[in-house]
Amino acid sequence: MAKAAVVKKKVEASKTTVLSDVRLYARKIWLAGLGAYAKAGQEGADYLRDLVKAGEGVEKQGRKAVDARVEAANSQIDSVKGSVKGSVTGVKEKVEVQLDKIEKAFDNRVAVALNRLGIPSRQDVEALSAKLDELSALLEHVARTK
């Protein structure tokens, strides 16, 4: 019986040791989890700050790149705009010359058609008016001398 009591005490002692070891490991696991949470929170904030700084740098580079491309596009637009204006001015001058030619041709044809109908031209009316002015002046001169 003494052997049974000693074995029983050893079993109880080993159960107590195993139980205390489990409690010790459970506590260590719990503390490790809390430590991991705290470290992740602290490192997460630091990591977030690092990400924000990196993002700001990329944003500045992106803005510089966009500004450079916009500047290049604007200069190309200005150069094309200048050449287009030059081309438009040239075309406009040519069109005006052609319109003047067409207008003169139209005026000549209308004058010929009116002349065929017996309607005097502007020059004819002006010539007659000048002759009438001369005759009126002569008549007044003759009337004064009498």
C-alpha atoms as a PDB file:
ATOM      1  CA  MET A   1       0.000   0.000   0.000  1.00  0.00           C
ATOM      2  CA  ALA A   2       2.823   2.266   0.635  1.00  0.00           C
ATOM      3  CA  LYS A   3       3.803   1.790  -2.931  1.00  0.00           C
ATOM      4  CA  ALA A   4       0.334   2.699  -4.083  1.00  0.00           C
ATOM      5  CA  ALA A   5       0.348   5.860  -1.981  1.00  0.00           C
ATOM      6  CA  VAL A   6       3.742   6.873  -3.346  1.00  0.00           C
ATOM      7  CA  VAL A   7       2.583   6.228  -6.912  1.00  0.00           C
ATOM      8  CA  LYS A   8      -0.624   8.135  -6.212  1.00  0.00           C
ATOM      9  CA  LYS A   9       1.373  11.051  -4.831  1.00  0.00           C
ATOM     10  CA  LYS A  10       3.696  10.918  -7.848  1.00  0.00           C
ATOM     11  CA  VAL A  11       0.699  10.880 -10.210  1.00  0.00           C
ATOM     12  CA  GLU A  12      -0.877  13.783  -8.330  1.00  0.00           C
ATOM     13  CA  ALA A  13       2.441  15.629  -8.334  1.00  0.00           C
ATOM     14  CA  SER A  14       2.892  14.994 -12.061  1.00  0.00           C
ATOM     15  CA  LYS A  15      -0.737  16.107 -12.704  1.00  0.00           C
ATOM     16  CA  THR A  16      -0.057  19.273 -10.706  1.00  0.00           C
ATOM     17  CA  THR A  17       3.172  19.850 -12.621  1.00  0.00           C
ATOM     18  CA  VAL A  18       1.475  19.244 -15.982  1.00  0.00           C
ATOM     19  CA  LEU A  19      -1.406  21.510 -15.001  1.00  0.00           C
ATOM     20  CA  SER A  20       0.933  24.273 -13.872  1.00  0.00           C
ATOM     21  CA  ASP A  21       2.978  23.809 -17.066  1.00  0.00           C
ATOM     22  CA  VAL A  22      -0.204  24.117 -19.172  1.00  0.00           C
ATOM     23  CA  ARG A  23      -1.199  27.210 -17.247  1.00  0.00           C
ATOM     24  CA  LEU A  24       2.303  28.634 -17.699  1.00  0.00           C
ATOM     25  CA  TYR A  25       2.245  27.928 -21.473  1.00  0.00           C
ATOM     26  CA  ALA A  26      -1.290  29.264 -21.814  1.00  0.00           C
ATOM     27  CA  ARG A  27      -0.219  32.446 -20.056  1.00  0.00           C
ATOM     28  CA  LYS A  28       2.856  32.720 -22.287  1.00  0.00           C
ATOM     29  CA  ILE A  29       0.680  32.231 -25.382  1.00  0.00           C
ATOM     30  CA  TRP A  30      -1.757  34.863 -24.110  1.00  0.00           C
ATOM     31  CA  LEU A  31       1.105  37.302 -23.433  1.00  0.00           C
ATOM     32  CA  ALA A  32       2.645  36.561 -26.834  1.00  0.00           C
ATOM     33  CA  GLY A  33      -0.691  37.333 -28.480  1.00  0.00           C
ATOM     34  CA  LEU A  34      -0.992  40.603 -26.571  1.00  0.00           C
ATOM     35  CA  GLY A  35       2.604  41.467 -27.485  1.00  0.00           C
ATOM     36  CA  ALA A  36       1.943  40.684 -31.142  1.00  0.00           C
ATOM     37  CA  TYR A  37      -1.185  42.853 -31.079  1.00  0.00           C
ATOM     38  CA  ALA A  38       0.681  45.757 -29.447  1.00  0.00           C
ATOM     39  CA  LYS A  39       3.631  45.434 -31.807  1.00  0.00           C
ATOM     40  CA  ALA A  40       1.385  45.169 -34.841  1.00  0.00           C
ATOM     41  CA  GLY A  41      -0.486  48.265 -33.718  1.00  0.00           C
ATOM     42  CA  GLN A  42       2.714  50.228 -33.205  1.00  0.00           C
ATOM     43  CA  GLU A  43       4.418  48.930 -36.351  1.00  0.00           C
ATOM     44  CA  GLY A  44       1.180  49.305 -38.277  1.00  0.00           C
ATOM     45  CA  ALA A  45       1.061  53.009 -37.448  1.00  0.00           C
ATOM     46  CA  ASP A  46       4.719  53.376 -38.401  1.00  0.00           C
ATOM     47  CA  TYR A  47       4.110  51.374 -41.569  1.00  0.00           C
ATOM     48  CA  LEU A  48       1.100  53.545 -42.391  1.00  0.00           C
ATOM     49  CA  ARG A  49       3.209  56.700 -41.926  1.00  0.00           C
ATOM     50  CA  ASP A  50       5.859  55.237 -44.241  1.00  0.00           C
ATOM     51  CA  LEU A  51       3.215  54.408 -46.826  1.00  0.00           C
ATOM     52  CA  VAL A  52       1.811  57.952 -46.660  1.00  0.00           C
ATOM     53  CA  LYS A  53       5.300  59.426 -47.162  1.00  0.00           C
ATOM     54  CA  ALA A  54       5.934  57.121 -50.104  1.00  0.00           C
ATOM     55  CA  GLY A  55       2.529  58.041 -51.563  1.00  0.00           C
ATOM     56  CA  GLU A  56       3.291  61.755 -51.255  1.00  0.00           C
ATOM     57  CA  GLY A  57       6.572  61.248 -53.093  1.00  0.00           C
ATOM     58  CA  VAL A  58       4.885  59.344 -55.893  1.00  0.00           C
ATOM     59  CA  GLU A  59       2.176  61.997 -56.094  1.00  0.00           C
ATOM     60  CA  LYS A  60       4.799  64.757 -56.486  1.00  0.00           C
ATOM     61  CA  GLN A  61       6.554  62.798 -59.211  1.00  0.00           C
ATOM     62  CA  GLY A  62       3.231  62.153 -60.927  1.00  0.00           C
ATOM     63  CA  ARG A  63       2.307  65.810 -60.828  1.00  0.00           C
ATOM     64  CA  LYS A  64       5.685  66.778 -62.275  1.00  0.00           C
ATOM     65  CA  ALA A  65       5.258  64.231 -65.054  1.00  0.00           C
ATOM     66  CA  VAL A  66       1.710  65.384 -65.797  1.00  0.00           C
ATOM     67  CA  ASP A  67       2.760  69.036 -65.755  1.00  0.00           C
ATOM     68  CA  ALA A  68       5.623  68.285 -68.139  1.00  0.00           C
ATOM     69  CA  ARG A  69       3.317  66.425 -70.512  1.00  0.00           C
ATOM     70  CA  VAL A  70       0.699  69.178 -70.362  1.00  0.00           C
ATOM     71  CA  GLU A  71       3.403  71.756 -71.092  1.00  0.00           C
ATOM     72  CA  ALA A  72       4.639  69.718 -74.061  1.00  0.00           C
ATOM     73  CA  ALA A  73       1.089  69.277 -75.360  1.00  0.00           C
ATOM     74  CA  ASN A  74       0.397  73.010 -74.995  1.00  0.00           C
ATOM     75  CA  SER A  75       3.558  73.904 -76.904  1.00  0.00           C
ATOM     76  CA  GLN A  76       2.598  71.474 -79.677  1.00  0.00           C
ATOM     77  CA  ILE A  77      -0.890  72.959 -79.776  1.00  0.00           C
ATOM     78  CA  ASP A  78       0.571  76.467 -79.999  1.00  0.00           C
ATOM     79  CA  SER A  79       2.871  75.502 -82.866  1.00  0.00           C
ATOM     80  CA  VAL A  80       0.054  73.771 -84.750  1.00  0.00           C
ATOM     81  CA  LYS A  81      -2.224  76.711 -84.031  1.00  0.00           C
ATOM     82  CA  GLY A  82       0.332  79.102 -85.548  1.00  0.00           C
ATOM     83  CA  SER A  83       0.743  77.020 -88.694  1.00  0.00           C
ATOM     84  CA  VAL A  84      -3.025  76.647 -89.042  1.00  0.00           C
ATOM     85  CA  LYS A  85      -3.499  80.398 -88.666  1.00  0.00           C
ATOM     86  CA  GLY A  86      -0.909  80.963 -91.376  1.00  0.00           C
ATOM     87  CA  SER A  87      -2.633  78.481 -93.647  1.00  0.00           C
ATOM     88  CA  VAL A  88      -6.050  79.989 -92.955  1.00  0.00           C
ATOM     89  CA  THR A  89      -4.732  83.478 -93.674  1.00  0.00           C
ATOM     90  CA  GLY A  90      -3.291  82.287 -96.992  1.00  0.00           C
ATOM     91  CA  VAL A  91      -6.492  80.543 -97.962  1.00  0.00           C
ATOM     92  CA  LYS A  92      -8.546  83.547 -96.900  1.00  0.00           C
ATOM     93  CA  GLU A  93      -6.477  85.848 -99.108  1.00  0.00           C
ATOM     94  CA  LYS A  94      -6.857  83.483-102.066  1.00  0.00           C
ATOM     95  CA  VAL A  95     -10.617  83.274-101.524  1.00  0.00           C
ATOM     96  CA  GLU A  96     -10.883  87.065-101.328  1.00  0.00           C
ATOM     97  CA  VAL A  97      -8.978  87.412-104.615  1.00  0.00           C
ATOM     98  CA  GLN A  98     -11.255  84.856-106.254  1.00  0.00           C
ATOM     99  CA  LEU A  99     -14.363  86.573-104.873  1.00  0.00           C
ATOM    100  CA  ASP A 100     -13.144  89.920-106.237  1.00  0.00           C
ATOM    101  CA  LYS A 101     -12.649  88.323-109.660  1.00  0.00           C
ATOM    102  CA  ILE A 102     -16.107  86.764-109.525  1.00  0.00           C
ATOM    103  CA  GLU A 103     -17.657  90.063-108.423  1.00  0.00           C
ATOM    104  CA  LYS A 104     -15.988  91.964-111.283  1.00  0.00           C
ATOM    105  CA  ALA A 105     -17.075  89.338-113.793  1.00  0.00           C
ATOM    106  CA  PHE A 106     -20.631  89.502-112.435  1.00  0.00           C
ATOM    107  CA  ASP A 107     -20.651  93.325-112.577  1.00  0.00           C
ATOM    108  CA  ASN A 108     -19.380  93.246-116.180  1.00  0.00           C
ATOM    109  CA  ARG A 109     -22.012  90.739-117.246  1.00  0.00           C
ATOM    110  CA  VAL A 110     -24.793  92.708-115.547  1.00  0.00           C
ATOM    111  CA  ALA A 111     -23.532  95.918-117.196  1.00  0.00           C
ATOM    112  CA  VAL A 112     -23.471  94.223-120.619  1.00  0.00           C
ATOM    113  CA  ALA A 113     -26.985  92.853-120.082  1.00  0.00           C
ATOM    114  CA  LEU A 114     -28.307  96.266-118.986  1.00  0.00           C
ATOM    115  CA  ASN A 115     -26.581  97.912-121.934  1.00  0.00           C
ATOM    116  CA  ARG A 116     -28.284  95.447-124.292  1.00  0.00           C
ATOM    117  CA  LEU A 117     -31.609  96.449-122.794  1.00  0.00           C
ATOM    118  CA  GLY A 118     -30.787 100.088-123.422  1.00  0.00           C
ATOM    119  CA  ILE A 119     -30.276 101.040-119.790  1.00  0.00           C
ATOM    120  CA  PRO A 120     -27.322 103.374-119.458  1.00  0.00           C
ATOM    121  CA  SER A 121     -24.385 102.430-117.290  1.00  0.00           C
ATOM    122  CA  ARG A 122     -23.143 104.422-114.345  1.00  0.00           C
ATOM    123  CA  GLN A 123     -20.362 105.926-116.454  1.00  0.00           C
ATOM    124  CA  ASP A 124     -22.901 106.950-119.096  1.00  0.00           C
ATOM    125  CA  VAL A 125     -25.076 108.641-116.474  1.00  0.00           C
ATOM    126  CA  GLU A 126     -22.065 110.405-114.975  1.00  0.00           C
ATOM    127  CA  ALA A 127     -20.902 111.560-118.412  1.00  0.00           C
ATOM    128  CA  LEU A 128     -24.377 112.885-119.192  1.00  0.00           C
ATOM    129  CA  SER A 129     -24.536 114.579-115.808  1.00  0.00           C
ATOM    130  CA  ALA A 130     -21.190 116.256-116.446  1.00  0.00           C
ATOM    131  CA  LYS A 131     -22.385 117.442-119.874  1.00  0.00           C
ATOM    132  CA  LEU A 132     -25.599 118.770-118.287  1.00  0.00           C
ATOM    133  CA  ASP A 133     -23.556 120.653-115.712  1.00  0.00           C
ATOM    134  CA  GLU A 134     -21.470 122.208-118.510  1.00  0.00           C
ATOM    135  CA  LEU A 135     -24.581 123.149-120.476  1.00  0.00           C
ATOM    136  CA  SER A 136     -26.232 124.622-117.376  1.00  0.00           C
ATOM    137  CA  ALA A 137     -23.128 126.651-116.690  1.00  0.00           C
ATOM    138  CA  LEU A 138     -23.072 127.891-120.310  1.00  0.00           C
ATOM    139  CA  LEU A 139     -26.775 128.783-120.168  1.00  0.00           C
ATOM    140  CA  GLU A 140     -26.278 130.778-116.986  1.00  0.00           C
ATOM    141  CA  HIS A 141     -23.328 132.534-118.529  1.00  0.00           C
ATOM    142  CA  VAL A 142     -25.340 133.394-121.651  1.00  0.00           C
ATOM    143  CA  ALA A 143     -28.276 134.551-119.529  1.00  0.00           C
ATOM    144  CA  ARG A 144     -26.022 136.913-117.544  1.00  0.00           C
ATOM    145  CA  THR A 145     -24.415 138.415-120.573  1.00  0.00           C
ATOM    146  CA  LYS A 146     -27.729 139.364-122.119  1.00  0.00           C
END
